Amino acid sequence: EPVAAELGALTEKLINPAFTNIAGRSSNAVNAVNNVLAVLLESDAQ
């Protein structure tokens, strides 16, 4: 039980936030590039 509790705490305090941060930043970067690409194509057409 003490090891399982520490693994749970490690997951909750370090691993999950780090993975979530990486996923969120990656997704935000892809979305930003997608938006810039859409603006670029619209500007070129204009």
ModelCIF file with pLDDT and N, C-alpha, C, O atoms, coordinates in Angstrom:
data_MODEL
#
_entry.id   MODEL 
#
_entity.id                         1 
_entity.type                       polymer 
_entity.pdbx_number_of_molecules   1 
#
_entity_poly.entity_id                      1 
_entity_poly.type                           'polypeptide(L)' 
_entity_poly.nstd_linkage                   no 
_entity_poly.nstd_monomer                   no 
_entity_poly.pdbx_seq_one_letter_code       EPVAAELGALTEKLINPAFTNIAGRSSNAVNAVNNVLAVLLESDAQ 
_entity_poly.pdbx_seq_one_letter_code_can   EPVAAELGALTEKLINPAFTNIAGRSSNAVNAVNNVLAVLLESDAQ 
_entity_poly.pdbx_strand_id                 A 
#
loop_
_entity_poly_seq.entity_id 
_entity_poly_seq.num 
_entity_poly_seq.mon_id 
_entity_poly_seq.hetero 
1 1  GLU n 
1 2  PRO n 
1 3  VAL n 
1 4  ALA n 
1 5  ALA n 
1 6  GLU n 
1 7  LEU n 
1 8  GLY n 
1 9  ALA n 
1 10 LEU n 
1 11 THR n 
1 12 GLU n 
1 13 LYS n 
1 14 LEU n 
1 15 ILE n 
1 16 ASN n 
1 17 PRO n 
1 18 ALA n 
1 19 PHE n 
1 20 THR n 
1 21 ASN n 
1 22 ILE n 
1 23 ALA n 
1 24 GLY n 
1 25 ARG n 
1 26 SER n 
1 27 SER n 
1 28 ASN n 
1 29 ALA n 
1 30 VAL n 
1 31 ASN n 
1 32 ALA n 
1 33 VAL n 
1 34 ASN n 
1 35 ASN n 
1 36 VAL n 
1 37 LEU n 
1 38 ALA n 
1 39 VAL n 
1 40 LEU n 
1 41 LEU n 
1 42 GLU n 
1 43 SER n 
1 44 ASP n 
1 45 ALA n 
1 46 GLN n 
#
_struct_asym.id          A 
_struct_asym.entity_id   1 
#
loop_
_ma_qa_metric.id 
_ma_qa_metric.mode 
_ma_qa_metric.name 
_ma_qa_metric.software_group_id 
_ma_qa_metric.type 
1 global pLDDT . pLDDT 
2 local  pLDDT . pLDDT 
#
_ma_qa_metric_global.metric_id      1 
_ma_qa_metric_global.metric_value   90.61 
_ma_qa_metric_global.model_id       1 
_ma_qa_metric_global.ordinal_id     1 
#
loop_
_ma_qa_metric_local.label_asym_id 
_ma_qa_metric_local.label_comp_id 
_ma_qa_metric_local.label_seq_id 
_ma_qa_metric_local.metric_id 
_ma_qa_metric_local.metric_value 
_ma_qa_metric_local.model_id 
_ma_qa_metric_local.ordinal_id 
A GLU 1  2 92.00 1 1  
A PRO 2  2 92.00 1 2  
A VAL 3  2 92.00 1 3  
A ALA 4  2 92.00 1 4  
A ALA 5  2 94.00 1 5  
A GLU 6  2 93.00 1 6  
A LEU 7  2 93.00 1 7  
A GLY 8  2 92.00 1 8  
A ALA 9  2 94.00 1 9  
A LEU 10 2 93.00 1 10 
A THR 11 2 93.00 1 11 
A GLU 12 2 93.00 1 12 
A LYS 13 2 95.00 1 13 
A LEU 14 2 93.00 1 14 
A ILE 15 2 92.00 1 15 
A ASN 16 2 92.00 1 16 
A PRO 17 2 93.00 1 17 
A ALA 18 2 92.00 1 18 
A PHE 19 2 91.00 1 19 
A THR 20 2 91.00 1 20 
A ASN 21 2 93.00 1 21 
A ILE 22 2 91.00 1 22 
A ALA 23 2 90.00 1 23 
A GLY 24 2 91.00 1 24 
A ARG 25 2 92.00 1 25 
A SER 26 2 91.00 1 26 
A SER 27 2 90.00 1 27 
A ASN 28 2 92.00 1 28 
A ALA 29 2 91.00 1 29 
A VAL 30 2 91.00 1 30 
A ASN 31 2 90.00 1 31 
A ALA 32 2 91.00 1 32 
A VAL 33 2 90.00 1 33 
A ASN 34 2 89.00 1 34 
A ASN 35 2 91.00 1 35 
A VAL 36 2 88.00 1 36 
A LEU 37 2 88.00 1 37 
A ALA 38 2 89.00 1 38 
A VAL 39 2 88.00 1 39 
A LEU 40 2 86.00 1 40 
A LEU 41 2 86.00 1 41 
A GLU 42 2 87.00 1 42 
A SER 43 2 85.00 1 43 
A ASP 44 2 83.00 1 44 
A ALA 45 2 85.00 1 45 
A GLN 46 2 88.00 1 46 
#
loop_
_atom_site.group_PDB 
_atom_site.id 
_atom_site.type_symbol 
_atom_site.label_atom_id 
_atom_site.label_alt_id 
_atom_site.label_comp_id 
_atom_site.label_asym_id 
_atom_site.label_entity_id 
_atom_site.label_seq_id 
_atom_site.pdbx_PDB_ins_code 
_atom_site.Cartn_x 
_atom_site.Cartn_y 
_atom_site.Cartn_z 
_atom_site.occupancy 
_atom_site.B_iso_or_equiv 
_atom_site.pdbx_formal_charge 
_atom_site.auth_seq_id 
_atom_site.auth_comp_id 
_atom_site.auth_asym_id 
_atom_site.auth_atom_id 
_atom_site.pdbx_PDB_model_num 
ATOM 1   N N  . GLU A 1 1  ? 0.811  -1.224 0.000   1.00 92.00 ? 1  GLU A N  1 
ATOM 2   C CA . GLU A 1 1  ? 0.000  0.000  0.000   1.00 92.00 ? 1  GLU A CA 1 
ATOM 3   C C  . GLU A 1 1  ? 0.844  1.274  0.000   1.00 92.00 ? 1  GLU A C  1 
ATOM 4   O O  . GLU A 1 1  ? 0.491  2.211  -0.715  1.00 92.00 ? 1  GLU A O  1 
ATOM 5   N N  . PRO A 1 2  ? 1.935  1.362  0.757   1.00 92.00 ? 2  PRO A N  1 
ATOM 6   C CA . PRO A 1 2  ? 2.717  2.601  0.729   1.00 92.00 ? 2  PRO A CA 1 
ATOM 7   C C  . PRO A 1 2  ? 3.326  2.873  -0.663  1.00 92.00 ? 2  PRO A C  1 
ATOM 8   O O  . PRO A 1 2  ? 3.380  4.022  -1.101  1.00 92.00 ? 2  PRO A O  1 
ATOM 9   N N  . VAL A 1 3  ? 3.776  1.824  -1.346  1.00 92.00 ? 3  VAL A N  1 
ATOM 10  C CA . VAL A 1 3  ? 4.357  1.999  -2.680  1.00 92.00 ? 3  VAL A CA 1 
ATOM 11  C C  . VAL A 1 3  ? 3.261  2.406  -3.662  1.00 92.00 ? 3  VAL A C  1 
ATOM 12  O O  . VAL A 1 3  ? 3.464  3.305  -4.480  1.00 92.00 ? 3  VAL A O  1 
ATOM 13  N N  . ALA A 1 4  ? 2.125  1.764  -3.588  1.00 92.00 ? 4  ALA A N  1 
ATOM 14  C CA . ALA A 1 4  ? 1.012  2.103  -4.467  1.00 92.00 ? 4  ALA A CA 1 
ATOM 15  C C  . ALA A 1 4  ? 0.575  3.549  -4.233  1.00 92.00 ? 4  ALA A C  1 
ATOM 16  O O  . ALA A 1 4  ? 0.259  4.260  -5.186  1.00 92.00 ? 4  ALA A O  1 
ATOM 17  N N  . ALA A 1 5  ? 0.554  3.986  -2.980  1.00 94.00 ? 5  ALA A N  1 
ATOM 18  C CA . ALA A 1 5  ? 0.162  5.368  -2.666  1.00 94.00 ? 5  ALA A CA 1 
ATOM 19  C C  . ALA A 1 5  ? 1.170  6.356  -3.249  1.00 94.00 ? 5  ALA A C  1 
ATOM 20  O O  . ALA A 1 5  ? 0.786  7.394  -3.788  1.00 94.00 ? 5  ALA A O  1 
ATOM 21  N N  . GLU A 1 6  ? 2.445  6.035  -3.141  1.00 93.00 ? 6  GLU A N  1 
ATOM 22  C CA . GLU A 1 6  ? 3.485  6.924  -3.684  1.00 93.00 ? 6  GLU A CA 1 
ATOM 23  C C  . GLU A 1 6  ? 3.439  6.964  -5.212  1.00 93.00 ? 6  GLU A C  1 
ATOM 24  O O  . GLU A 1 6  ? 3.644  8.020  -5.811  1.00 93.00 ? 6  GLU A O  1 
ATOM 25  N N  . LEU A 1 7  ? 3.172  5.824  -5.843  1.00 93.00 ? 7  LEU A N  1 
ATOM 26  C CA . LEU A 1 7  ? 3.016  5.811  -7.298  1.00 93.00 ? 7  LEU A CA 1 
ATOM 27  C C  . LEU A 1 7  ? 1.825  6.666  -7.722  1.00 93.00 ? 7  LEU A C  1 
ATOM 28  O O  . LEU A 1 7  ? 1.892  7.388  -8.717  1.00 93.00 ? 7  LEU A O  1 
ATOM 29  N N  . GLY A 1 8  ? 0.745  6.580  -6.966  1.00 92.00 ? 8  GLY A N  1 
ATOM 30  C CA . GLY A 1 8  ? -0.433 7.403  -7.249  1.00 92.00 ? 8  GLY A CA 1 
ATOM 31  C C  . GLY A 1 8  ? -0.116 8.884  -7.113  1.00 92.00 ? 8  GLY A C  1 
ATOM 32  O O  . GLY A 1 8  ? -0.515 9.696  -7.949  1.00 92.00 ? 8  GLY A O  1 
ATOM 33  N N  . ALA A 1 9  ? 0.613  9.230  -6.039  1.00 94.00 ? 9  ALA A N  1 
ATOM 34  C CA . ALA A 1 9  ? 0.977  10.631 -5.820  1.00 94.00 ? 9  ALA A CA 1 
ATOM 35  C C  . ALA A 1 9  ? 1.919  11.120 -6.923  1.00 94.00 ? 9  ALA A C  1 
ATOM 36  O O  . ALA A 1 9  ? 1.786  12.240 -7.417  1.00 94.00 ? 9  ALA A O  1 
ATOM 37  N N  . LEU A 1 10 ? 2.872  10.265 -7.301  1.00 93.00 ? 10 LEU A N  1 
ATOM 38  C CA . LEU A 1 10 ? 3.803  10.623 -8.380  1.00 93.00 ? 10 LEU A CA 1 
ATOM 39  C C  . LEU A 1 10 ? 3.050  10.881 -9.678  1.00 93.00 ? 10 LEU A C  1 
ATOM 40  O O  . LEU A 1 10 ? 3.321  11.846 -10.394 1.00 93.00 ? 10 LEU A O  1 
ATOM 41  N N  . THR A 1 11 ? 2.103  10.001 -9.964  1.00 93.00 ? 11 THR A N  1 
ATOM 42  C CA . THR A 1 11 ? 1.302  10.153 -11.175 1.00 93.00 ? 11 THR A CA 1 
ATOM 43  C C  . THR A 1 11 ? 0.484  11.440 -11.122 1.00 93.00 ? 11 THR A C  1 
ATOM 44  O O  . THR A 1 11 ? 0.435  12.200 -12.089 1.00 93.00 ? 11 THR A O  1 
ATOM 45  N N  . GLU A 1 12 ? -0.150 11.668 -9.986  1.00 93.00 ? 12 GLU A N  1 
ATOM 46  C CA . GLU A 1 12 ? -1.034 12.834 -9.860  1.00 93.00 ? 12 GLU A CA 1 
ATOM 47  C C  . GLU A 1 12 ? -0.267 14.151 -9.868  1.00 93.00 ? 12 GLU A C  1 
ATOM 48  O O  . GLU A 1 12 ? -0.715 15.121 -10.479 1.00 93.00 ? 12 GLU A O  1 
ATOM 49  N N  . LYS A 1 13 ? 0.887  14.196 -9.195  1.00 95.00 ? 13 LYS A N  1 
ATOM 50  C CA . LYS A 1 13 ? 1.599  15.470 -9.036  1.00 95.00 ? 13 LYS A CA 1 
ATOM 51  C C  . LYS A 1 13 ? 2.610  15.760 -10.127 1.00 95.00 ? 13 LYS A C  1 
ATOM 52  O O  . LYS A 1 13 ? 2.882  16.927 -10.408 1.00 95.00 ? 13 LYS A O  1 
ATOM 53  N N  . LEU A 1 14 ? 3.177  14.739 -10.752 1.00 93.00 ? 14 LEU A N  1 
ATOM 54  C CA . LEU A 1 14 ? 4.232  14.984 -11.741 1.00 93.00 ? 14 LEU A CA 1 
ATOM 55  C C  . LEU A 1 14 ? 3.908  14.483 -13.147 1.00 93.00 ? 14 LEU A C  1 
ATOM 56  O O  . LEU A 1 14 ? 3.972  15.239 -14.117 1.00 93.00 ? 14 LEU A O  1 
ATOM 57  N N  . ILE A 1 15 ? 3.565  13.224 -13.241 1.00 92.00 ? 15 ILE A N  1 
ATOM 58  C CA . ILE A 1 15 ? 3.427  12.614 -14.564 1.00 92.00 ? 15 ILE A CA 1 
ATOM 59  C C  . ILE A 1 15 ? 2.228  13.177 -15.320 1.00 92.00 ? 15 ILE A C  1 
ATOM 60  O O  . ILE A 1 15 ? 2.373  13.635 -16.453 1.00 92.00 ? 15 ILE A O  1 
ATOM 61  N N  . ASN A 1 16 ? 1.039  13.148 -14.702 1.00 92.00 ? 16 ASN A N  1 
ATOM 62  C CA . ASN A 1 16 ? -0.154 13.657 -15.397 1.00 92.00 ? 16 ASN A CA 1 
ATOM 63  C C  . ASN A 1 16 ? -0.026 15.121 -15.802 1.00 92.00 ? 16 ASN A C  1 
ATOM 64  O O  . ASN A 1 16 ? -0.334 15.455 -16.946 1.00 92.00 ? 16 ASN A O  1 
ATOM 65  N N  . PRO A 1 17 ? 0.421  16.018 -14.902 1.00 93.00 ? 17 PRO A N  1 
ATOM 66  C CA . PRO A 1 17 ? 0.566  17.418 -15.326 1.00 93.00 ? 17 PRO A CA 1 
ATOM 67  C C  . PRO A 1 17 ? 1.579  17.587 -16.463 1.00 93.00 ? 17 PRO A C  1 
ATOM 68  O O  . PRO A 1 17 ? 1.359  18.390 -17.371 1.00 93.00 ? 17 PRO A O  1 
ATOM 69  N N  . ALA A 1 18 ? 2.676  16.844 -16.420 1.00 92.00 ? 18 ALA A N  1 
ATOM 70  C CA . ALA A 1 18 ? 3.688  16.968 -17.478 1.00 92.00 ? 18 ALA A CA 1 
ATOM 71  C C  . ALA A 1 18 ? 3.136  16.495 -18.820 1.00 92.00 ? 18 ALA A C  1 
ATOM 72  O O  . ALA A 1 18 ? 3.290  17.172 -19.836 1.00 92.00 ? 18 ALA A O  1 
ATOM 73  N N  . PHE A 1 19 ? 2.495  15.334 -18.817 1.00 91.00 ? 19 PHE A N  1 
ATOM 74  C CA . PHE A 1 19 ? 1.920  14.806 -20.060 1.00 91.00 ? 19 PHE A CA 1 
ATOM 75  C C  . PHE A 1 19 ? 0.823  15.728 -20.592 1.00 91.00 ? 19 PHE A C  1 
ATOM 76  O O  . PHE A 1 19 ? 0.731  15.970 -21.795 1.00 91.00 ? 19 PHE A O  1 
ATOM 77  N N  . THR A 1 20 ? 0.001  16.234 -19.691 1.00 91.00 ? 20 THR A N  1 
ATOM 78  C CA . THR A 1 20 ? -1.079 17.136 -20.107 1.00 91.00 ? 20 THR A CA 1 
ATOM 79  C C  . THR A 1 20 ? -0.514 18.425 -20.676 1.00 91.00 ? 20 THR A C  1 
ATOM 80  O O  . THR A 1 20 ? -1.029 18.949 -21.664 1.00 91.00 ? 20 THR A O  1 
ATOM 81  N N  . ASN A 1 21 ? 0.545  18.939 -20.057 1.00 93.00 ? 21 ASN A N  1 
ATOM 82  C CA . ASN A 1 21 ? 1.196  20.150 -20.533 1.00 93.00 ? 21 ASN A CA 1 
ATOM 83  C C  . ASN A 1 21 ? 1.767  19.943 -21.938 1.00 93.00 ? 21 ASN A C  1 
ATOM 84  O O  . ASN A 1 21 ? 1.596  20.787 -22.818 1.00 93.00 ? 21 ASN A O  1 
ATOM 85  N N  . ILE A 1 22 ? 2.436  18.827 -22.132 1.00 91.00 ? 22 ILE A N  1 
ATOM 86  C CA . ILE A 1 22 ? 3.019  18.533 -23.446 1.00 91.00 ? 22 ILE A CA 1 
ATOM 87  C C  . ILE A 1 22 ? 1.922  18.414 -24.503 1.00 91.00 ? 22 ILE A C  1 
ATOM 88  O O  . ILE A 1 22 ? 2.029  18.989 -25.586 1.00 91.00 ? 22 ILE A O  1 
ATOM 89  N N  . ALA A 1 23 ? 0.876  17.671 -24.184 1.00 90.00 ? 23 ALA A N  1 
ATOM 90  C CA . ALA A 1 23 ? -0.229 17.493 -25.136 1.00 90.00 ? 23 ALA A CA 1 
ATOM 91  C C  . ALA A 1 23 ? -0.905 18.823 -25.448 1.00 90.00 ? 23 ALA A C  1 
ATOM 92  O O  . ALA A 1 23 ? -1.210 19.111 -26.606 1.00 90.00 ? 23 ALA A O  1 
ATOM 93  N N  . GLY A 1 24 ? -1.136 19.628 -24.423 1.00 91.00 ? 24 GLY A N  1 
ATOM 94  C CA . GLY A 1 24 ? -1.783 20.919 -24.623 1.00 91.00 ? 24 GLY A CA 1 
ATOM 95  C C  . GLY A 1 24 ? -0.943 21.865 -25.459 1.00 91.00 ? 24 GLY A C  1 
ATOM 96  O O  . GLY A 1 24 ? -1.459 22.509 -26.372 1.00 91.00 ? 24 GLY A O  1 
ATOM 97  N N  . ARG A 1 25 ? 0.341  21.957 -25.161 1.00 92.00 ? 25 ARG A N  1 
ATOM 98  C CA . ARG A 1 25 ? 1.226  22.841 -25.930 1.00 92.00 ? 25 ARG A CA 1 
ATOM 99  C C  . ARG A 1 25 ? 1.357  22.378 -27.373 1.00 92.00 ? 25 ARG A C  1 
ATOM 100 O O  . ARG A 1 25 ? 1.353  23.191 -28.297 1.00 92.00 ? 25 ARG A O  1 
ATOM 101 N N  . SER A 1 26 ? 1.470  21.083 -27.558 1.00 91.00 ? 26 SER A N  1 
ATOM 102 C CA . SER A 1 26 ? 1.586  20.554 -28.923 1.00 91.00 ? 26 SER A CA 1 
ATOM 103 C C  . SER A 1 26 ? 0.327  20.847 -29.719 1.00 91.00 ? 26 SER A C  1 
ATOM 104 O O  . SER A 1 26 ? 0.396  21.272 -30.873 1.00 91.00 ? 26 SER A O  1 
ATOM 105 N N  . SER A 1 27 ? -0.806 20.622 -29.106 1.00 90.00 ? 27 SER A N  1 
ATOM 106 C CA . SER A 1 27 ? -2.081 20.874 -29.772 1.00 90.00 ? 27 SER A CA 1 
ATOM 107 C C  . SER A 1 27 ? -2.238 22.367 -30.075 1.00 90.00 ? 27 SER A C  1 
ATOM 108 O O  . SER A 1 27 ? -2.682 22.737 -31.161 1.00 90.00 ? 27 SER A O  1 
ATOM 109 N N  . ASN A 1 28 ? -1.876 23.217 -29.122 1.00 92.00 ? 28 ASN A N  1 
ATOM 110 C CA . ASN A 1 28 ? -1.953 24.664 -29.342 1.00 92.00 ? 28 ASN A CA 1 
ATOM 111 C C  . ASN A 1 28 ? -1.046 25.101 -30.492 1.00 92.00 ? 28 ASN A C  1 
ATOM 112 O O  . ASN A 1 28 ? -1.426 25.951 -31.297 1.00 92.00 ? 28 ASN A O  1 
ATOM 113 N N  . ALA A 1 29 ? 0.142  24.521 -30.567 1.00 91.00 ? 29 ALA A N  1 
ATOM 114 C CA . ALA A 1 29 ? 1.078  24.882 -31.640 1.00 91.00 ? 29 ALA A CA 1 
ATOM 115 C C  . ALA A 1 29 ? 0.524  24.471 -33.001 1.00 91.00 ? 29 ALA A C  1 
ATOM 116 O O  . ALA A 1 29 ? 0.590  25.243 -33.957 1.00 91.00 ? 29 ALA A O  1 
ATOM 117 N N  . VAL A 1 30 ? -0.014 23.273 -33.092 1.00 91.00 ? 30 VAL A N  1 
ATOM 118 C CA . VAL A 1 30 ? -0.588 22.808 -34.353 1.00 91.00 ? 30 VAL A CA 1 
ATOM 119 C C  . VAL A 1 30 ? -1.776 23.682 -34.755 1.00 91.00 ? 30 VAL A C  1 
ATOM 120 O O  . VAL A 1 30 ? -1.915 24.047 -35.923 1.00 91.00 ? 30 VAL A O  1 
ATOM 121 N N  . ASN A 1 31 ? -2.622 24.013 -33.800 1.00 90.00 ? 31 ASN A N  1 
ATOM 122 C CA . ASN A 1 31 ? -3.772 24.875 -34.091 1.00 90.00 ? 31 ASN A CA 1 
ATOM 123 C C  . ASN A 1 31 ? -3.323 26.261 -34.549 1.00 90.00 ? 31 ASN A C  1 
ATOM 124 O O  . ASN A 1 31 ? -3.906 26.833 -35.470 1.00 90.00 ? 31 ASN A O  1 
ATOM 125 N N  . ALA A 1 32 ? -2.293 26.797 -33.908 1.00 91.00 ? 32 ALA A N  1 
ATOM 126 C CA . ALA A 1 32 ? -1.788 28.119 -34.287 1.00 91.00 ? 32 ALA A CA 1 
ATOM 127 C C  . ALA A 1 32 ? -1.247 28.100 -35.715 1.00 91.00 ? 32 ALA A C  1 
ATOM 128 O O  . ALA A 1 32 ? -1.519 29.013 -36.496 1.00 91.00 ? 32 ALA A O  1 
ATOM 129 N N  . VAL A 1 33 ? -0.488 27.072 -36.055 1.00 90.00 ? 33 VAL A N  1 
ATOM 130 C CA . VAL A 1 33 ? 0.051  26.976 -37.421 1.00 90.00 ? 33 VAL A CA 1 
ATOM 131 C C  . VAL A 1 33 ? -1.089 26.811 -38.420 1.00 90.00 ? 33 VAL A C  1 
ATOM 132 O O  . VAL A 1 33 ? -1.061 27.400 -39.500 1.00 90.00 ? 33 VAL A O  1 
ATOM 133 N N  . ASN A 1 34 ? -2.080 26.020 -38.065 1.00 89.00 ? 34 ASN A N  1 
ATOM 134 C CA . ASN A 1 34 ? -3.256 25.854 -38.925 1.00 89.00 ? 34 ASN A CA 1 
ATOM 135 C C  . ASN A 1 34 ? -3.949 27.194 -39.171 1.00 89.00 ? 34 ASN A C  1 
ATOM 136 O O  . ASN A 1 34 ? -4.329 27.506 -40.300 1.00 89.00 ? 34 ASN A O  1 
ATOM 137 N N  . ASN A 1 35 ? -4.108 27.975 -38.113 1.00 91.00 ? 35 ASN A N  1 
ATOM 138 C CA . ASN A 1 35 ? -4.745 29.289 -38.239 1.00 91.00 ? 35 ASN A CA 1 
ATOM 139 C C  . ASN A 1 35 ? -3.915 30.230 -39.111 1.00 91.00 ? 35 ASN A C  1 
ATOM 140 O O  . ASN A 1 35 ? -4.461 30.944 -39.952 1.00 91.00 ? 35 ASN A O  1 
ATOM 141 N N  . VAL A 1 36 ? -2.608 30.230 -38.911 1.00 88.00 ? 36 VAL A N  1 
ATOM 142 C CA . VAL A 1 36 ? -1.728 31.083 -39.719 1.00 88.00 ? 36 VAL A CA 1 
ATOM 143 C C  . VAL A 1 36 ? -1.800 30.667 -41.181 1.00 88.00 ? 36 VAL A C  1 
ATOM 144 O O  . VAL A 1 36 ? -1.836 31.520 -42.067 1.00 88.00 ? 36 VAL A O  1 
ATOM 145 N N  . LEU A 1 37 ? -1.822 29.383 -41.436 1.00 88.00 ? 37 LEU A N  1 
ATOM 146 C CA . LEU A 1 37 ? -1.911 28.884 -42.803 1.00 88.00 ? 37 LEU A CA 1 
ATOM 147 C C  . LEU A 1 37 ? -3.224 29.329 -43.453 1.00 88.00 ? 37 LEU A C  1 
ATOM 148 O O  . LEU A 1 37 ? -3.235 29.737 -44.614 1.00 88.00 ? 37 LEU A O  1 
ATOM 149 N N  . ALA A 1 38 ? -4.310 29.254 -42.719 1.00 89.00 ? 38 ALA A N  1 
ATOM 150 C CA . ALA A 1 38 ? -5.605 29.695 -43.255 1.00 89.00 ? 38 ALA A CA 1 
ATOM 151 C C  . ALA A 1 38 ? -5.581 31.186 -43.571 1.00 89.00 ? 38 ALA A C  1 
ATOM 152 O O  . ALA A 1 38 ? -6.085 31.606 -44.612 1.00 89.00 ? 38 ALA A O  1 
ATOM 153 N N  . VAL A 1 39 ? -5.001 31.989 -42.682 1.00 88.00 ? 39 VAL A N  1 
ATOM 154 C CA . VAL A 1 39 ? -4.900 33.433 -42.917 1.00 88.00 ? 39 VAL A CA 1 
ATOM 155 C C  . VAL A 1 39 ? -4.019 33.707 -44.128 1.00 88.00 ? 39 VAL A C  1 
ATOM 156 O O  . VAL A 1 39 ? -4.337 34.565 -44.951 1.00 88.00 ? 39 VAL A O  1 
ATOM 157 N N  . LEU A 1 40 ? -2.921 32.986 -44.236 1.00 86.00 ? 40 LEU A N  1 
ATOM 158 C CA . LEU A 1 40 ? -2.002 33.163 -45.367 1.00 86.00 ? 40 LEU A CA 1 
ATOM 159 C C  . LEU A 1 40 ? -2.699 32.856 -46.688 1.00 86.00 ? 40 LEU A C  1 
ATOM 160 O O  . LEU A 1 40 ? -2.583 33.624 -47.644 1.00 86.00 ? 40 LEU A O  1 
ATOM 161 N N  . LEU A 1 41 ? -3.417 31.745 -46.748 1.00 86.00 ? 41 LEU A N  1 
ATOM 162 C CA . LEU A 1 41 ? -4.114 31.383 -47.977 1.00 86.00 ? 41 LEU A CA 1 
ATOM 163 C C  . LEU A 1 41 ? -5.198 32.393 -48.318 1.00 86.00 ? 41 LEU A C  1 
ATOM 164 O O  . LEU A 1 41 ? -5.371 32.755 -49.482 1.00 86.00 ? 41 LEU A O  1 
ATOM 165 N N  . GLU A 1 42 ? -5.931 32.852 -47.299 1.00 87.00 ? 42 GLU A N  1 
ATOM 166 C CA . GLU A 1 42 ? -6.979 33.852 -47.529 1.00 87.00 ? 42 GLU A CA 1 
ATOM 167 C C  . GLU A 1 42 ? -6.362 35.175 -48.002 1.00 87.00 ? 42 GLU A C  1 
ATOM 168 O O  . GLU A 1 42 ? -6.900 35.833 -48.893 1.00 87.00 ? 42 GLU A O  1 
ATOM 169 N N  . SER A 1 43 ? -5.238 35.554 -47.401 1.00 85.00 ? 43 SER A N  1 
ATOM 170 C CA . SER A 1 43 ? -4.555 36.797 -47.796 1.00 85.00 ? 43 SER A CA 1 
ATOM 171 C C  . SER A 1 43 ? -4.034 36.708 -49.227 1.00 85.00 ? 43 SER A C  1 
ATOM 172 O O  . SER A 1 43 ? -4.158 37.656 -50.003 1.00 85.00 ? 43 SER A O  1 
ATOM 173 N N  . ASP A 1 44 ? -3.453 35.566 -49.565 1.00 83.00 ? 44 ASP A N  1 
ATOM 174 C CA . ASP A 1 44 ? -2.960 35.379 -50.944 1.00 83.00 ? 44 ASP A CA 1 
ATOM 175 C C  . ASP A 1 44 ? -4.110 35.509 -51.940 1.00 83.00 ? 44 ASP A C  1 
ATOM 176 O O  . ASP A 1 44 ? -3.970 36.162 -52.974 1.00 83.00 ? 44 ASP A O  1 
ATOM 177 N N  . ALA A 1 45 ? -5.225 34.896 -51.631 1.00 85.00 ? 45 ALA A N  1 
ATOM 178 C CA . ALA A 1 45 ? -6.386 34.980 -52.530 1.00 85.00 ? 45 ALA A CA 1 
ATOM 179 C C  . ALA A 1 45 ? -6.882 36.419 -52.637 1.00 85.00 ? 45 ALA A C  1 
ATOM 180 O O  . ALA A 1 45 ? -7.236 36.876 -53.724 1.00 85.00 ? 45 ALA A O  1 
ATOM 181 N N  . GLN A 1 46 ? -6.909 37.127 -51.524 1.00 88.00 ? 46 GLN A N  1 
ATOM 182 C CA . GLN A 1 46 ? -7.355 38.528 -51.529 1.00 88.00 ? 46 GLN A CA 1 
ATOM 183 C C  . GLN A 1 46 ? -6.387 39.397 -52.339 1.00 88.00 ? 46 GLN A C  1 
ATOM 184 O O  . GLN A 1 46 ? -6.593 40.605 -52.459 1.00 88.00 ? 46 GLN A O  1 
#
